[in-house]
Structure formats: structure tokens, C-alpha cells
């Protein structure tokens, strides 16, 4: 008679569904996407970065040193070593039909990187990232040179942030 009206059965089903849902959600972890724990911050501060070969690679390296340490100081007792190879390419994207000269362009800054443990040489994370910065080409030559340099700096800063996010995610899993 209790099951004939369905109230006890529906309560039982709802209770079992609630328990199953709670069990499924118990394995989930919720963490902020871009924040790092103090443990991860300590690991980031203990990364030594390879020497730069050119101006753009030096810009990426400087930005990474600041992002890893938070104060611009390089790691003294490095636990990890980050090896980078940074390249840059500048192309015009809109040509003026009358003069056949580029009016705007883009700079693509690309890095191949490999983070290893300093003591064992074990690879923690490696990858390839790119950042694109758009620019205008003014008619003055100095303005054009300065526009390209500013775009390279913006691309290098964005690339450093992408690499930092990859490295922080890898170190947070360790």
C-alpha cells in the first residue's frame, strides 16, 4: 500500500540519485584557473632560465624572470632549468595598391621550450608556443622600425605569459 501511491518510491529514487551525485562530485577539485598555490609559486621561483641569443629572446627571458619570481630576481638555487629557443617573424598583411608597400603587419614570436629538473635532467614539460602582435607601418622609416620593435615586445610579453601558464600547470601537478 505504501508503494502503490508512489511517494515512498519517488523519495527513495531521489535519495539514491542525491547520494550518487554527491559521490560523483566528491572526486572533483575546483581551483582558480590562473592562480597558483604558494607551493607552485616556490617552484616557479626556483627555475633558472637559459641565456638569450638575441634581443627578442632576451625580452622573453626578462619577462619570464619577473613572472617566475614576482620581483625580478633570478633563482639562486635552481631546482629546475628552462631551455628556450625563441624566433620572430615580421610580415606585412595589407598592401597599398598604388605604392605596393605594406600598411600594416604582424609579428609572430615563437618559442620552443623544455623544463627539466636540474639534478636529474628529467623533462617536466616541453612545448611550443606562439604569440602574434599586430602593428601599423607608418610612412616614416624610424616610425616603422619603432612599430616593429613595439610589436616584438608585446609578442614577447604575451609569449612569456603563455609559457608561465604552461610551466605553472605542469609544476602544480607534481
N, C-alpha and C. Protein backbone atom coordinates (compact mmCIF):
# COMPACT_ATOMS: atom_id res chain seq x y z
N UNK A 1 0.81 -1.18 0.00
CA UNK A 1 0.00 0.00 0.00
C UNK A 1 0.86 1.26 0.00
N UNK A 2 2.02 1.21 0.67
CA UNK A 2 2.89 2.38 0.69
C UNK A 2 3.48 2.64 -0.69
N UNK A 3 3.76 1.58 -1.45
CA UNK A 3 4.35 1.75 -2.77
C UNK A 3 3.31 2.05 -3.83
N UNK A 4 2.03 1.82 -3.55
CA UNK A 4 1.01 1.99 -4.57
C UNK A 4 0.81 3.45 -4.97
N UNK A 5 0.98 4.38 -4.04
CA UNK A 5 0.80 5.78 -4.43
C UNK A 5 2.08 6.40 -5.00
N UNK A 6 3.22 5.75 -4.86
CA UNK A 6 4.45 6.20 -5.49
C UNK A 6 5.27 7.21 -4.69
N UNK A 7 4.79 7.70 -3.57
CA UNK A 7 5.53 8.72 -2.83
C UNK A 7 6.78 8.15 -2.18
N UNK A 8 6.68 6.99 -1.60
CA UNK A 8 7.84 6.40 -0.95
C UNK A 8 8.88 6.00 -2.01
N UNK A 9 8.41 5.45 -3.11
CA UNK A 9 9.31 5.05 -4.19
C UNK A 9 10.02 6.27 -4.78
N UNK A 10 9.31 7.37 -5.00
CA UNK A 10 9.94 8.56 -5.57
C UNK A 10 10.93 9.17 -4.58
N UNK A 11 10.64 9.13 -3.31
CA UNK A 11 11.59 9.62 -2.30
C UNK A 11 12.85 8.77 -2.30
N UNK A 12 12.66 7.46 -2.41
CA UNK A 12 13.80 6.54 -2.43
C UNK A 12 14.68 6.80 -3.66
N UNK A 13 14.04 6.99 -4.81
CA UNK A 13 14.79 7.25 -6.03
C UNK A 13 15.53 8.59 -5.92
N UNK A 14 14.89 9.62 -5.40
CA UNK A 14 15.53 10.92 -5.25
C UNK A 14 16.69 10.86 -4.27
N UNK A 15 16.53 10.10 -3.18
CA UNK A 15 17.61 9.96 -2.21
C UNK A 15 18.80 9.24 -2.82
N UNK A 16 18.55 8.15 -3.55
CA UNK A 16 19.65 7.41 -4.19
C UNK A 16 20.33 8.26 -5.26
N UNK A 17 19.55 9.04 -6.00
CA UNK A 17 20.15 9.92 -7.01
C UNK A 17 21.01 11.00 -6.35
N UNK A 18 20.56 11.53 -5.23
CA UNK A 18 21.34 12.53 -4.50
C UNK A 18 22.64 11.96 -3.97
N UNK A 19 22.60 10.74 -3.46
CA UNK A 19 23.81 10.09 -2.95
C UNK A 19 24.78 9.81 -4.11
N UNK A 20 24.26 9.37 -5.25
CA UNK A 20 25.12 9.11 -6.41
C UNK A 20 25.75 10.40 -6.92
N UNK A 21 24.98 11.48 -6.95
CA UNK A 21 25.52 12.76 -7.40
C UNK A 21 26.59 13.27 -6.44
N UNK A 22 26.35 13.13 -5.15
CA UNK A 22 27.34 13.57 -4.16
C UNK A 22 28.63 12.74 -4.29
N UNK A 23 28.50 11.46 -4.54
CA UNK A 23 29.67 10.61 -4.73
C UNK A 23 30.45 10.98 -5.97
N UNK A 24 29.72 11.32 -7.04
CA UNK A 24 30.41 11.71 -8.28
C UNK A 24 31.13 13.04 -8.12
N UNK A 25 30.53 13.97 -7.40
CA UNK A 25 31.15 15.28 -7.21
C UNK A 25 32.26 15.26 -6.17
N UNK A 26 32.34 14.24 -5.36
CA UNK A 26 33.38 14.17 -4.32
C UNK A 26 34.77 14.09 -4.94
N UNK A 27 34.89 13.57 -6.14
CA UNK A 27 36.19 13.46 -6.79
C UNK A 27 36.62 14.72 -7.52
N UNK A 28 35.73 15.68 -7.64
CA UNK A 28 36.06 16.91 -8.37
C UNK A 28 36.87 17.85 -7.50
N UNK A 29 37.77 18.56 -8.14
CA UNK A 29 38.52 19.62 -7.46
C UNK A 29 38.26 20.92 -8.18
N UNK A 30 38.00 21.94 -7.43
CA UNK A 30 37.78 23.25 -8.01
C UNK A 30 38.94 24.13 -7.60
N UNK A 31 39.67 24.63 -8.61
CA UNK A 31 40.79 25.54 -8.37
C UNK A 31 40.68 26.71 -9.30
N UNK A 32 41.12 27.88 -8.87
CA UNK A 32 41.13 29.00 -9.80
C UNK A 32 42.05 28.69 -10.98
N UNK A 33 41.65 29.14 -12.16
CA UNK A 33 42.37 28.79 -13.38
C UNK A 33 43.76 29.39 -13.44
N UNK A 34 43.91 30.67 -13.07
CA UNK A 34 45.19 31.34 -13.27
C UNK A 34 45.96 31.58 -11.99
N UNK A 35 45.48 31.11 -10.87
CA UNK A 35 46.24 31.33 -9.65
C UNK A 35 47.11 30.12 -9.37
N UNK A 36 48.08 30.31 -8.57
CA UNK A 36 48.97 29.22 -8.21
C UNK A 36 49.07 29.17 -6.69
N UNK A 37 49.26 27.98 -6.19
CA UNK A 37 49.42 27.86 -4.75
C UNK A 37 50.80 28.38 -4.35
N UNK A 38 50.99 28.56 -3.06
CA UNK A 38 52.30 29.03 -2.60
C UNK A 38 53.37 28.00 -2.91
N UNK A 39 52.98 26.72 -2.93
CA UNK A 39 53.94 25.67 -3.28
C UNK A 39 54.37 25.82 -4.74
N UNK A 40 53.42 26.08 -5.62
CA UNK A 40 53.75 26.29 -7.04
C UNK A 40 54.56 27.57 -7.23
N UNK A 41 54.22 28.61 -6.47
CA UNK A 41 54.99 29.85 -6.56
C UNK A 41 56.45 29.62 -6.17
N UNK A 42 56.67 28.80 -5.15
CA UNK A 42 58.03 28.47 -4.74
C UNK A 42 58.78 27.70 -5.81
N UNK A 43 58.07 26.78 -6.47
CA UNK A 43 58.69 26.02 -7.56
C UNK A 43 59.03 26.93 -8.74
N UNK A 44 58.12 27.86 -9.05
CA UNK A 44 58.39 28.79 -10.15
C UNK A 44 59.60 29.67 -9.85
N UNK A 45 59.74 30.06 -8.61
CA UNK A 45 60.87 30.92 -8.22
C UNK A 45 62.20 30.18 -8.27
N UNK A 46 62.15 28.85 -8.36
CA UNK A 46 63.39 28.06 -8.38
C UNK A 46 63.74 27.58 -9.78
N UNK A 47 63.31 28.32 -10.80
CA UNK A 47 63.62 27.96 -12.19
C UNK A 47 64.71 28.88 -12.72
N UNK A 48 65.78 28.27 -13.23
CA UNK A 48 66.83 29.02 -13.93
C UNK A 48 66.50 28.99 -15.42
N UNK A 49 66.68 30.13 -16.07
CA UNK A 49 66.33 30.25 -17.48
C UNK A 49 67.61 30.39 -18.30
N UNK A 50 67.66 29.72 -19.44
CA UNK A 50 68.84 29.74 -20.30
C UNK A 50 69.15 31.16 -20.78
N UNK A 51 70.39 31.38 -21.13
CA UNK A 51 70.83 32.69 -21.63
C UNK A 51 70.22 32.95 -23.00
N UNK A 52 70.01 34.21 -23.30
CA UNK A 52 69.37 34.61 -24.55
C UNK A 52 70.38 34.76 -25.67
N UNK A 53 69.91 34.51 -26.89
CA UNK A 53 70.77 34.65 -28.05
C UNK A 53 70.57 35.93 -28.83
N UNK A 54 69.41 36.56 -28.69
CA UNK A 54 69.14 37.81 -29.39
C UNK A 54 68.20 38.69 -28.55
N UNK A 55 67.85 39.86 -29.08
CA UNK A 55 67.08 40.83 -28.32
C UNK A 55 65.69 40.33 -27.94
N UNK A 56 65.01 39.68 -28.87
CA UNK A 56 63.65 39.21 -28.58
C UNK A 56 63.68 38.09 -27.56
N UNK A 57 64.62 37.16 -27.69
CA UNK A 57 64.74 36.09 -26.71
C UNK A 57 65.09 36.67 -25.34
N UNK A 58 65.89 37.72 -25.30
CA UNK A 58 66.21 38.38 -24.04
C UNK A 58 64.95 39.02 -23.43
N UNK A 59 64.11 39.58 -24.27
CA UNK A 59 62.85 40.18 -23.78
C UNK A 59 61.95 39.10 -23.17
N UNK A 60 61.82 37.96 -23.83
CA UNK A 60 61.02 36.86 -23.29
C UNK A 60 61.64 36.38 -21.98
N UNK A 61 62.95 36.25 -21.96
CA UNK A 61 63.65 35.79 -20.75
C UNK A 61 63.42 36.75 -19.59
N UNK A 62 63.55 38.06 -19.84
CA UNK A 62 63.34 39.05 -18.78
C UNK A 62 61.92 38.99 -18.24
N UNK A 63 60.95 38.87 -19.14
CA UNK A 63 59.55 38.78 -18.70
C UNK A 63 59.32 37.51 -17.88
N UNK A 64 59.93 36.40 -18.28
CA UNK A 64 59.78 35.16 -17.53
C UNK A 64 60.43 35.24 -16.15
N UNK A 65 61.59 35.85 -16.07
CA UNK A 65 62.25 36.01 -14.77
C UNK A 65 61.33 36.77 -13.82
N UNK A 66 60.73 37.83 -14.31
CA UNK A 66 59.82 38.61 -13.48
C UNK A 66 58.56 37.82 -13.12
N UNK A 67 57.99 37.09 -14.10
CA UNK A 67 56.78 36.31 -13.83
C UNK A 67 57.03 35.14 -12.88
N UNK A 68 58.20 34.51 -13.01
CA UNK A 68 58.50 33.37 -12.14
C UNK A 68 58.78 33.81 -10.70
N UNK A 69 59.54 34.90 -10.54
CA UNK A 69 59.96 35.29 -9.19
C UNK A 69 59.02 36.31 -8.56
N UNK A 70 58.37 37.11 -9.36
CA UNK A 70 57.50 38.15 -8.83
C UNK A 70 58.22 39.43 -8.49
N UNK A 71 59.54 39.38 -8.38
CA UNK A 71 60.28 40.60 -8.04
C UNK A 71 61.45 40.86 -8.97
N UNK A 72 61.62 40.06 -9.99
CA UNK A 72 62.68 40.28 -10.96
C UNK A 72 64.01 39.66 -10.61
N UNK A 73 64.09 38.95 -9.48
CA UNK A 73 65.36 38.32 -9.09
C UNK A 73 65.44 36.92 -9.70
N UNK A 74 66.61 36.58 -10.21
CA UNK A 74 66.80 35.25 -10.77
C UNK A 74 67.01 34.22 -9.66
N UNK A 75 66.68 32.98 -9.96
CA UNK A 75 66.81 31.89 -8.99
C UNK A 75 68.27 31.65 -8.64
N UNK A 76 68.57 31.60 -7.35
CA UNK A 76 69.94 31.34 -6.89
C UNK A 76 70.21 29.85 -6.79
N UNK A 77 69.32 29.11 -6.17
CA UNK A 77 69.47 27.66 -6.03
C UNK A 77 68.41 27.00 -6.90
N UNK A 78 68.71 26.89 -8.17
CA UNK A 78 67.72 26.40 -9.13
C UNK A 78 67.48 24.91 -8.98
N UNK A 79 66.20 24.55 -8.92
CA UNK A 79 65.78 23.15 -8.89
C UNK A 79 65.43 22.71 -10.31
N UNK A 80 64.99 23.67 -11.12
CA UNK A 80 64.60 23.40 -12.50
C UNK A 80 65.39 24.30 -13.44
N UNK A 81 65.48 23.84 -14.71
CA UNK A 81 66.17 24.64 -15.74
C UNK A 81 65.26 24.71 -16.96
N UNK A 82 65.02 25.94 -17.43
CA UNK A 82 64.18 26.16 -18.61
C UNK A 82 65.07 26.55 -19.78
N UNK A 83 65.06 25.72 -20.80
CA UNK A 83 65.82 25.97 -22.03
C UNK A 83 64.83 26.47 -23.08
N UNK A 84 65.17 27.58 -23.73
CA UNK A 84 64.27 28.17 -24.73
C UNK A 84 65.01 28.45 -26.03
N UNK A 85 64.25 28.38 -27.12
CA UNK A 85 64.72 28.83 -28.43
C UNK A 85 63.61 29.70 -29.00
N UNK A 86 63.85 31.00 -29.07
CA UNK A 86 62.83 31.97 -29.49
C UNK A 86 63.16 32.49 -30.88
N UNK A 87 62.15 32.52 -31.75
CA UNK A 87 62.28 33.09 -33.08
C UNK A 87 61.18 34.12 -33.31
N UNK A 88 61.42 35.00 -34.26
CA UNK A 88 60.45 36.04 -34.57
C UNK A 88 60.35 36.21 -36.07
N UNK A 89 59.13 36.51 -36.53
CA UNK A 89 58.91 36.72 -37.96
C UNK A 89 57.97 37.91 -38.13
N UNK A 90 58.35 38.84 -38.99
CA UNK A 90 57.53 40.02 -39.27
C UNK A 90 57.05 39.96 -40.71
N UNK A 91 55.74 40.12 -40.90
CA UNK A 91 55.17 40.10 -42.25
C UNK A 91 54.18 41.25 -42.41
N UNK A 92 54.09 41.77 -43.61
CA UNK A 92 53.08 42.76 -43.94
C UNK A 92 51.80 42.05 -44.32
N UNK A 93 50.65 42.59 -43.91
CA UNK A 93 49.40 41.90 -44.20
C UNK A 93 48.47 42.70 -45.09
N UNK A 94 48.62 44.03 -45.14
CA UNK A 94 47.78 44.85 -46.02
C UNK A 94 48.69 45.72 -46.89
N UNK A 95 48.62 45.51 -48.18
CA UNK A 95 49.46 46.29 -49.09
C UNK A 95 48.66 47.44 -49.71
N UNK A 96 49.34 48.58 -49.83
CA UNK A 96 48.77 49.72 -50.55
C UNK A 96 48.93 49.44 -52.04
N UNK A 97 47.82 49.42 -52.77
CA UNK A 97 47.84 49.03 -54.17
C UNK A 97 48.67 50.02 -55.01
N UNK A 98 48.59 51.30 -54.72
CA UNK A 98 49.28 52.32 -55.53
C UNK A 98 50.80 52.23 -55.38
N UNK A 99 51.28 52.07 -54.15
CA UNK A 99 52.73 52.08 -53.91
C UNK A 99 53.32 50.70 -53.68
N UNK A 100 52.48 49.69 -53.57
CA UNK A 100 52.90 48.31 -53.31
C UNK A 100 53.78 48.20 -52.06
N UNK A 101 53.38 48.91 -51.02
CA UNK A 101 54.07 48.83 -49.74
C UNK A 101 53.07 48.40 -48.66
N UNK A 102 53.59 47.74 -47.66
CA UNK A 102 52.73 47.25 -46.57
C UNK A 102 52.28 48.42 -45.71
N UNK A 103 51.02 48.43 -45.33
CA UNK A 103 50.47 49.47 -44.47
C UNK A 103 50.30 48.97 -43.04
N UNK A 104 50.17 47.68 -42.89
CA UNK A 104 50.10 47.09 -41.55
C UNK A 104 50.73 45.71 -41.62
N UNK A 105 51.00 45.18 -40.45
CA UNK A 105 51.66 43.87 -40.42
C UNK A 105 51.47 43.18 -39.10
N UNK A 106 52.15 42.07 -38.97
CA UNK A 106 52.09 41.31 -37.72
C UNK A 106 53.46 40.70 -37.44
N UNK A 107 53.72 40.58 -36.16
CA UNK A 107 54.93 39.93 -35.68
C UNK A 107 54.50 38.67 -34.96
N UNK A 108 55.09 37.55 -35.34
CA UNK A 108 54.83 36.28 -34.66
C UNK A 108 56.09 35.89 -33.91
N UNK A 109 55.97 35.76 -32.60
CA UNK A 109 57.09 35.36 -31.74
C UNK A 109 56.80 33.93 -31.29
N UNK A 110 57.72 33.02 -31.55
CA UNK A 110 57.53 31.60 -31.27
C UNK A 110 58.67 31.10 -30.38
N UNK A 111 58.33 30.22 -29.45
CA UNK A 111 59.34 29.64 -28.57
C UNK A 111 59.15 28.14 -28.47
N UNK A 112 60.25 27.42 -28.60
CA UNK A 112 60.32 26.00 -28.22
C UNK A 112 60.96 26.00 -26.84
N UNK A 113 60.34 25.34 -25.89
CA UNK A 113 60.90 25.35 -24.54
C UNK A 113 60.89 23.95 -23.95
N UNK A 114 61.78 23.75 -22.99
CA UNK A 114 61.91 22.47 -22.31
C UNK A 114 62.32 22.73 -20.85
N UNK A 115 61.45 22.34 -19.92
CA UNK A 115 61.74 22.49 -18.50
C UNK A 115 62.20 21.14 -17.96
N UNK A 116 63.40 21.13 -17.37
CA UNK A 116 63.96 19.89 -16.82
C UNK A 116 64.32 20.10 -15.36
N UNK A 117 64.42 18.99 -14.63
CA UNK A 117 64.94 19.05 -13.27
C UNK A 117 66.45 19.23 -13.36
N UNK A 118 66.98 20.11 -12.57
CA UNK A 118 68.42 20.41 -12.63
C UNK A 118 69.27 19.24 -12.18
N UNK A 119 68.79 18.47 -11.21
CA UNK A 119 69.61 17.37 -10.67
C UNK A 119 69.60 16.12 -11.55
N UNK A 120 68.46 15.77 -12.13
CA UNK A 120 68.38 14.52 -12.88
C UNK A 120 68.29 14.72 -14.39
N UNK A 121 67.93 15.90 -14.85
CA UNK A 121 67.75 16.13 -16.27
C UNK A 121 66.42 15.62 -16.80
N UNK A 122 65.55 15.15 -15.91
CA UNK A 122 64.24 14.64 -16.29
C UNK A 122 63.37 15.80 -16.82
N UNK A 123 62.74 15.59 -17.96
CA UNK A 123 61.87 16.61 -18.55
C UNK A 123 60.56 16.68 -17.78
N UNK A 124 60.23 17.88 -17.33
CA UNK A 124 58.97 18.12 -16.62
C UNK A 124 57.89 18.48 -17.62
N UNK A 125 58.19 19.42 -18.50
CA UNK A 125 57.25 19.83 -19.54
C UNK A 125 58.04 20.43 -20.69
N UNK A 126 57.55 20.22 -21.88
CA UNK A 126 58.14 20.85 -23.05
C UNK A 126 57.02 21.21 -24.00
N UNK A 127 57.28 22.16 -24.87
CA UNK A 127 56.24 22.57 -25.79
C UNK A 127 56.69 23.65 -26.73
N UNK A 128 55.74 24.10 -27.52
CA UNK A 128 55.98 25.18 -28.48
C UNK A 128 54.78 26.11 -28.38
N UNK A 129 55.06 27.39 -28.20
CA UNK A 129 54.01 28.41 -28.08
C UNK A 129 54.33 29.56 -29.02
N UNK A 130 53.27 30.23 -29.47
CA UNK A 130 53.42 31.40 -30.34
C UNK A 130 52.50 32.51 -29.86
N UNK A 131 52.93 33.73 -30.09
CA UNK A 131 52.11 34.91 -29.81
C UNK A 131 52.21 35.84 -31.01
N UNK A 132 51.09 36.46 -31.35
CA UNK A 132 51.03 37.35 -32.51
C UNK A 132 50.69 38.75 -32.03
N UNK A 133 51.41 39.75 -32.55
CA UNK A 133 51.14 41.15 -32.25
C UNK A 133 50.96 41.89 -33.57
N UNK A 134 49.88 42.64 -33.67
CA UNK A 134 49.60 43.41 -34.88
C UNK A 134 50.22 44.80 -34.78
N UNK A 135 50.47 45.43 -35.95
CA UNK A 135 51.08 46.76 -35.95
C UNK A 135 50.72 47.49 -37.23
N UNK A 136 50.87 48.79 -37.21
CA UNK A 136 50.73 49.64 -38.39
C UNK A 136 52.12 50.07 -38.84
N UNK A 137 52.29 50.21 -40.16
CA UNK A 137 53.55 50.70 -40.70
C UNK A 137 53.36 52.16 -41.12
N UNK A 138 53.92 53.09 -40.36
CA UNK A 138 53.83 54.50 -40.78
C UNK A 138 54.75 54.75 -41.99
N UNK A 139 54.60 55.92 -42.58
CA UNK A 139 55.41 56.23 -43.76
C UNK A 139 56.85 56.57 -43.41
N UNK A 140 57.09 57.07 -42.20
CA UNK A 140 58.47 57.38 -41.79
C UNK A 140 59.21 56.10 -41.43
N UNK A 141 60.46 56.01 -41.84
CA UNK A 141 61.24 54.79 -41.61
C UNK A 141 61.48 54.54 -40.12
N UNK A 142 61.82 55.58 -39.35
CA UNK A 142 62.04 55.39 -37.92
C UNK A 142 60.76 54.93 -37.23
N UNK A 143 59.63 55.49 -37.64
CA UNK A 143 58.34 55.08 -37.07
C UNK A 143 58.05 53.62 -37.36
N UNK A 144 58.44 53.17 -38.55
CA UNK A 144 58.24 51.77 -38.93
C UNK A 144 59.11 50.86 -38.07
N UNK A 145 60.36 51.24 -37.88
CA UNK A 145 61.28 50.44 -37.05
C UNK A 145 60.76 50.36 -35.61
N UNK A 146 60.30 51.50 -35.10
CA UNK A 146 59.79 51.55 -33.73
C UNK A 146 58.50 50.73 -33.58
N UNK A 147 57.66 50.76 -34.60
CA UNK A 147 56.42 49.99 -34.59
C UNK A 147 56.71 48.48 -34.53
N UNK A 148 57.69 48.06 -35.32
CA UNK A 148 58.09 46.64 -35.31
C UNK A 148 58.64 46.26 -33.94
N UNK A 149 59.49 47.09 -33.37
CA UNK A 149 60.08 46.79 -32.06
C UNK A 149 59.01 46.72 -30.97
N UNK A 150 58.06 47.64 -30.99
CA UNK A 150 56.98 47.61 -30.01
C UNK A 150 56.14 46.34 -30.15
N UNK A 151 55.87 45.94 -31.38
CA UNK A 151 55.10 44.71 -31.60
C UNK A 151 55.89 43.49 -31.12
N UNK A 152 57.20 43.49 -31.35
CA UNK A 152 58.03 42.38 -30.85
C UNK A 152 57.98 42.32 -29.34
N UNK A 153 58.04 43.47 -28.68
CA UNK A 153 57.98 43.50 -27.21
C UNK A 153 56.63 43.00 -26.70
N UNK A 154 55.53 43.40 -27.36
CA UNK A 154 54.20 42.92 -26.96
C UNK A 154 54.09 41.42 -27.16
N UNK A 155 54.58 40.94 -28.30
CA UNK A 155 54.55 39.50 -28.57
C UNK A 155 55.39 38.72 -27.56
N UNK A 156 56.56 39.26 -27.19
CA UNK A 156 57.43 38.60 -26.22
C UNK A 156 56.76 38.53 -24.85
N UNK A 157 56.09 39.61 -24.45
CA UNK A 157 55.40 39.63 -23.15
C UNK A 157 54.26 38.61 -23.12
N UNK A 158 53.48 38.55 -24.20
CA UNK A 158 52.39 37.59 -24.26
C UNK A 158 52.91 36.15 -24.28
N UNK A 159 53.99 35.93 -25.02
CA UNK A 159 54.59 34.61 -25.09
C UNK A 159 55.09 34.16 -23.71
N UNK A 160 55.71 35.07 -22.98
CA UNK A 160 56.19 34.75 -21.63
C UNK A 160 55.03 34.35 -20.72
N UNK A 161 53.90 35.02 -20.85
CA UNK A 161 52.75 34.68 -20.02
C UNK A 161 52.19 33.30 -20.38
N UNK A 162 52.20 32.96 -21.66
CA UNK A 162 51.75 31.64 -22.08
C UNK A 162 52.67 30.54 -21.54
N UNK A 163 53.97 30.77 -21.64
CA UNK A 163 54.94 29.78 -21.14
C UNK A 163 54.81 29.63 -19.63
N UNK A 164 54.65 30.75 -18.91
CA UNK A 164 54.48 30.69 -17.47
C UNK A 164 53.25 29.87 -17.09
N UNK A 165 52.15 30.06 -17.81
CA UNK A 165 50.93 29.30 -17.53
C UNK A 165 51.15 27.80 -17.74
N UNK A 166 51.84 27.44 -18.83
CA UNK A 166 52.14 26.02 -19.09
C UNK A 166 53.02 25.43 -18.00
N UNK A 167 54.07 26.16 -17.63
CA UNK A 167 55.00 25.66 -16.62
C UNK A 167 54.32 25.57 -15.26
N UNK A 168 53.53 26.57 -14.90
CA UNK A 168 52.83 26.55 -13.60
C UNK A 168 51.86 25.37 -13.54
N UNK A 169 51.16 25.09 -14.62
CA UNK A 169 50.23 23.97 -14.64
C UNK A 169 50.97 22.65 -14.47
N UNK A 170 52.12 22.51 -15.14
CA UNK A 170 52.91 21.28 -15.02
C UNK A 170 53.46 21.11 -13.61
N UNK A 171 53.95 22.20 -13.01
CA UNK A 171 54.50 22.10 -11.66
C UNK A 171 53.41 21.88 -10.60
N UNK A 172 52.20 22.37 -10.86
CA UNK A 172 51.11 22.17 -9.91
C UNK A 172 50.70 20.72 -9.85
N UNK A 173 50.90 19.98 -10.95
CA UNK A 173 50.55 18.55 -10.99
C UNK A 173 51.60 17.68 -10.31
N UNK A 174 52.79 18.23 -10.04
CA UNK A 174 53.88 17.44 -9.45
C UNK A 174 53.79 17.42 -7.95
